[in-house]
Amino acid sequence: MGFLYSILIGGIAGFIASRIMDSHNSMIVNILLGIVGGFVGGFIARKLGNDPDNDGLVMNLLIAVLGAVVLIFVGRLF
């Protein structure tokens, strides 16, 4: 169930991040950005002293969106 949860949250987070950053990516790229963004956002949250594993759905989604936005931003730098 965790894998399907990651794909669902990743897809939603990637879609939201692509709208925030005005990025025109495909659905697959949005899902991948959201999933990887979840890992990046989780890493950032842990460094700031928060434990995203114990947070709820909304907080996990916000963390994944933050991570995906960071990835899109870094991708635009290159």
N, C-alpha and C. Protein backbone atom coordinates (compact mmCIF):
# COMPACT_ATOMS: atom_id res chain seq x y z
N MET A 1 0.82 -1.19 0.00
CA MET A 1 0.00 0.00 0.00
C MET A 1 0.86 1.25 0.00
N GLY A 2 2.05 1.18 0.56
CA GLY A 2 2.94 2.34 0.62
C GLY A 2 3.38 2.80 -0.76
N PHE A 3 3.60 1.84 -1.67
CA PHE A 3 4.03 2.18 -3.03
C PHE A 3 2.92 2.92 -3.77
N LEU A 4 1.69 2.42 -3.68
CA LEU A 4 0.57 3.08 -4.33
C LEU A 4 0.30 4.45 -3.71
N TYR A 5 0.46 4.55 -2.40
CA TYR A 5 0.32 5.82 -1.69
C TYR A 5 1.35 6.82 -2.21
N SER A 6 2.59 6.38 -2.40
CA SER A 6 3.64 7.25 -2.90
C SER A 6 3.35 7.73 -4.31
N ILE A 7 2.83 6.86 -5.15
CA ILE A 7 2.50 7.25 -6.51
C ILE A 7 1.35 8.26 -6.51
N LEU A 8 0.34 8.00 -5.71
CA LEU A 8 -0.80 8.91 -5.65
C LEU A 8 -0.39 10.28 -5.13
N ILE A 9 0.29 10.32 -4.01
CA ILE A 9 0.75 11.58 -3.44
C ILE A 9 1.75 12.25 -4.38
N GLY A 10 2.63 11.46 -4.98
CA GLY A 10 3.61 12.01 -5.92
C GLY A 10 2.96 12.64 -7.14
N GLY A 11 1.94 11.99 -7.67
CA GLY A 11 1.23 12.55 -8.82
C GLY A 11 0.56 13.87 -8.49
N ILE A 12 -0.10 13.91 -7.36
CA ILE A 12 -0.78 15.14 -6.94
C ILE A 12 0.24 16.23 -6.66
N ALA A 13 1.31 15.88 -5.95
CA ALA A 13 2.35 16.87 -5.61
C ALA A 13 3.04 17.38 -6.87
N GLY A 14 3.34 16.49 -7.80
CA GLY A 14 3.98 16.91 -9.05
C GLY A 14 3.09 17.83 -9.86
N PHE A 15 1.79 17.53 -9.89
CA PHE A 15 0.84 18.38 -10.60
C PHE A 15 0.79 19.77 -9.97
N ILE A 16 0.68 19.82 -8.65
CA ILE A 16 0.60 21.11 -7.95
C ILE A 16 1.90 21.90 -8.15
N ALA A 17 3.03 21.23 -8.03
CA ALA A 17 4.32 21.91 -8.20
C ALA A 17 4.49 22.43 -9.62
N SER A 18 4.03 21.67 -10.61
CA SER A 18 4.15 22.14 -11.99
C SER A 18 3.27 23.36 -12.24
N ARG A 19 2.15 23.46 -11.55
CA ARG A 19 1.29 24.64 -11.67
C ARG A 19 1.90 25.84 -10.94
N ILE A 20 2.51 25.59 -9.79
CA ILE A 20 3.15 26.68 -9.04
C ILE A 20 4.32 27.25 -9.84
N MET A 21 5.12 26.37 -10.42
CA MET A 21 6.31 26.81 -11.15
C MET A 21 6.05 27.07 -12.62
N ASP A 22 4.81 26.94 -13.08
CA ASP A 22 4.42 27.13 -14.47
C ASP A 22 5.29 26.29 -15.41
N SER A 23 5.39 25.02 -15.06
CA SER A 23 6.17 24.06 -15.82
C SER A 23 5.21 23.18 -16.62
N HIS A 24 5.55 22.93 -17.85
CA HIS A 24 4.67 22.15 -18.73
C HIS A 24 5.28 20.77 -18.97
N ASN A 25 5.13 19.91 -17.98
CA ASN A 25 5.66 18.55 -18.04
C ASN A 25 4.53 17.57 -18.30
N SER A 26 4.92 16.36 -18.73
CA SER A 26 3.92 15.30 -18.92
C SER A 26 3.49 14.76 -17.57
N MET A 27 2.44 13.96 -17.56
CA MET A 27 1.92 13.39 -16.33
C MET A 27 2.95 12.48 -15.68
N ILE A 28 3.68 11.70 -16.47
CA ILE A 28 4.69 10.79 -15.94
C ILE A 28 5.81 11.59 -15.26
N VAL A 29 6.25 12.67 -15.90
CA VAL A 29 7.30 13.51 -15.31
C VAL A 29 6.79 14.15 -14.03
N ASN A 30 5.53 14.59 -14.01
CA ASN A 30 4.95 15.16 -12.79
C ASN A 30 4.94 14.15 -11.65
N ILE A 31 4.57 12.91 -11.95
CA ILE A 31 4.56 11.87 -10.92
C ILE A 31 5.97 11.62 -10.41
N LEU A 32 6.92 11.51 -11.31
CA LEU A 32 8.31 11.28 -10.89
C LEU A 32 8.85 12.45 -10.08
N LEU A 33 8.55 13.67 -10.52
CA LEU A 33 8.98 14.84 -9.76
C LEU A 33 8.36 14.84 -8.37
N GLY A 34 7.09 14.46 -8.27
CA GLY A 34 6.43 14.41 -6.98
C GLY A 34 7.00 13.36 -6.07
N ILE A 35 7.30 12.18 -6.61
CA ILE A 35 7.86 11.10 -5.80
C ILE A 35 9.26 11.47 -5.31
N VAL A 36 10.11 11.91 -6.23
CA VAL A 36 11.46 12.32 -5.85
C VAL A 36 11.39 13.55 -4.96
N GLY A 37 10.44 14.45 -5.26
CA GLY A 37 10.24 15.63 -4.43
C GLY A 37 9.84 15.26 -3.01
N GLY A 38 9.10 14.17 -2.86
CA GLY A 38 8.75 13.70 -1.53
C GLY A 38 9.97 13.28 -0.74
N PHE A 39 10.92 12.63 -1.41
CA PHE A 39 12.16 12.25 -0.75
C PHE A 39 13.00 13.48 -0.41
N VAL A 40 13.09 14.41 -1.37
CA VAL A 40 13.86 15.64 -1.14
C VAL A 40 13.22 16.46 -0.02
N GLY A 41 11.90 16.62 -0.09
CA GLY A 41 11.19 17.36 0.95
C GLY A 41 11.31 16.70 2.30
N GLY A 42 11.26 15.37 2.33
CA GLY A 42 11.43 14.64 3.59
C GLY A 42 12.82 14.84 4.17
N PHE A 43 13.82 14.87 3.29
CA PHE A 43 15.18 15.12 3.74
C PHE A 43 15.31 16.52 4.34
N ILE A 44 14.73 17.51 3.65
CA ILE A 44 14.76 18.89 4.15
C ILE A 44 14.02 18.99 5.48
N ALA A 45 12.86 18.34 5.56
CA ALA A 45 12.07 18.39 6.80
C ALA A 45 12.82 17.75 7.97
N ARG A 46 13.52 16.64 7.71
CA ARG A 46 14.28 15.99 8.78
C ARG A 46 15.43 16.87 9.26
N LYS A 47 16.07 17.57 8.32
CA LYS A 47 17.17 18.47 8.68
C LYS A 47 16.67 19.64 9.51
N LEU A 48 15.41 20.03 9.31
CA LEU A 48 14.82 21.12 10.08
C LEU A 48 14.22 20.64 11.40
N GLY A 49 14.30 19.33 11.67
CA GLY A 49 13.84 18.80 12.95
C GLY A 49 12.43 18.24 12.94
N ASN A 50 11.81 18.12 11.78
CA ASN A 50 10.46 17.57 11.68
C ASN A 50 10.55 16.11 11.23
N ASP A 51 9.62 15.29 11.66
CA ASP A 51 9.59 13.88 11.25
C ASP A 51 8.39 13.65 10.34
N PRO A 52 8.58 13.67 9.03
CA PRO A 52 7.44 13.53 8.11
C PRO A 52 6.78 12.16 8.15
N ASP A 53 7.46 11.16 8.71
CA ASP A 53 6.86 9.82 8.77
C ASP A 53 5.67 9.77 9.71
N ASN A 54 5.65 10.64 10.70
CA ASN A 54 4.56 10.65 11.66
C ASN A 54 3.49 11.70 11.35
N ASP A 55 3.68 12.45 10.28
CA ASP A 55 2.72 13.48 9.91
C ASP A 55 1.59 12.88 9.09
N GLY A 56 0.55 13.63 8.91
CA GLY A 56 -0.61 13.15 8.19
C GLY A 56 -0.49 13.35 6.69
N LEU A 57 -1.58 13.07 6.02
CA LEU A 57 -1.64 13.13 4.57
C LEU A 57 -1.36 14.53 4.04
N VAL A 58 -1.96 15.53 4.64
CA VAL A 58 -1.80 16.90 4.15
C VAL A 58 -0.35 17.35 4.30
N MET A 59 0.26 17.06 5.43
CA MET A 59 1.65 17.48 5.64
C MET A 59 2.59 16.74 4.69
N ASN A 60 2.35 15.46 4.44
CA ASN A 60 3.16 14.72 3.48
C ASN A 60 3.01 15.30 2.08
N LEU A 61 1.80 15.70 1.73
CA LEU A 61 1.57 16.31 0.43
C LEU A 61 2.31 17.65 0.32
N LEU A 62 2.24 18.46 1.36
CA LEU A 62 2.94 19.74 1.35
C LEU A 62 4.46 19.56 1.25
N ILE A 63 4.98 18.57 1.95
CA ILE A 63 6.41 18.30 1.90
C ILE A 63 6.81 17.83 0.50
N ALA A 64 6.00 16.98 -0.12
CA ALA A 64 6.29 16.51 -1.47
C ALA A 64 6.21 17.65 -2.48
N VAL A 65 5.23 18.55 -2.31
CA VAL A 65 5.12 19.70 -3.21
C VAL A 65 6.35 20.59 -3.06
N LEU A 66 6.77 20.85 -1.82
CA LEU A 66 7.96 21.65 -1.59
C LEU A 66 9.18 21.02 -2.27
N GLY A 67 9.35 19.73 -2.11
CA GLY A 67 10.48 19.05 -2.73
C GLY A 67 10.42 19.09 -4.24
N ALA A 68 9.23 18.93 -4.82
CA ALA A 68 9.09 18.98 -6.28
C ALA A 68 9.35 20.39 -6.81
N VAL A 69 8.92 21.40 -6.08
CA VAL A 69 9.21 22.79 -6.48
C VAL A 69 10.71 23.03 -6.46
N VAL A 70 11.39 22.53 -5.45
CA VAL A 70 12.85 22.67 -5.39
C VAL A 70 13.50 21.97 -6.58
N LEU A 71 13.03 20.77 -6.93
CA LEU A 71 13.59 20.04 -8.07
C LEU A 71 13.36 20.78 -9.38
N ILE A 72 12.17 21.32 -9.57
CA ILE A 72 11.90 22.08 -10.80
C ILE A 72 12.80 23.31 -10.86
N PHE A 73 12.96 24.00 -9.73
CA PHE A 73 13.82 25.18 -9.68
C PHE A 73 15.26 24.83 -10.02
N VAL A 74 15.76 23.77 -9.41
CA VAL A 74 17.15 23.35 -9.67
C VAL A 74 17.29 22.90 -11.12
N GLY A 75 16.28 22.20 -11.64
CA GLY A 75 16.32 21.77 -13.04
C GLY A 75 16.36 22.94 -14.01
N ARG A 76 15.71 24.03 -13.67
CA ARG A 76 15.74 25.21 -14.54
C ARG A 76 17.09 25.91 -14.51
N LEU A 77 17.84 25.72 -13.45
CA LEU A 77 19.17 26.34 -13.38
C LEU A 77 20.14 25.72 -14.37
N PHE A 78 19.88 24.46 -14.71
CA PHE A 78 20.75 23.76 -15.66
C PHE A 78 20.09 23.78 -16.97
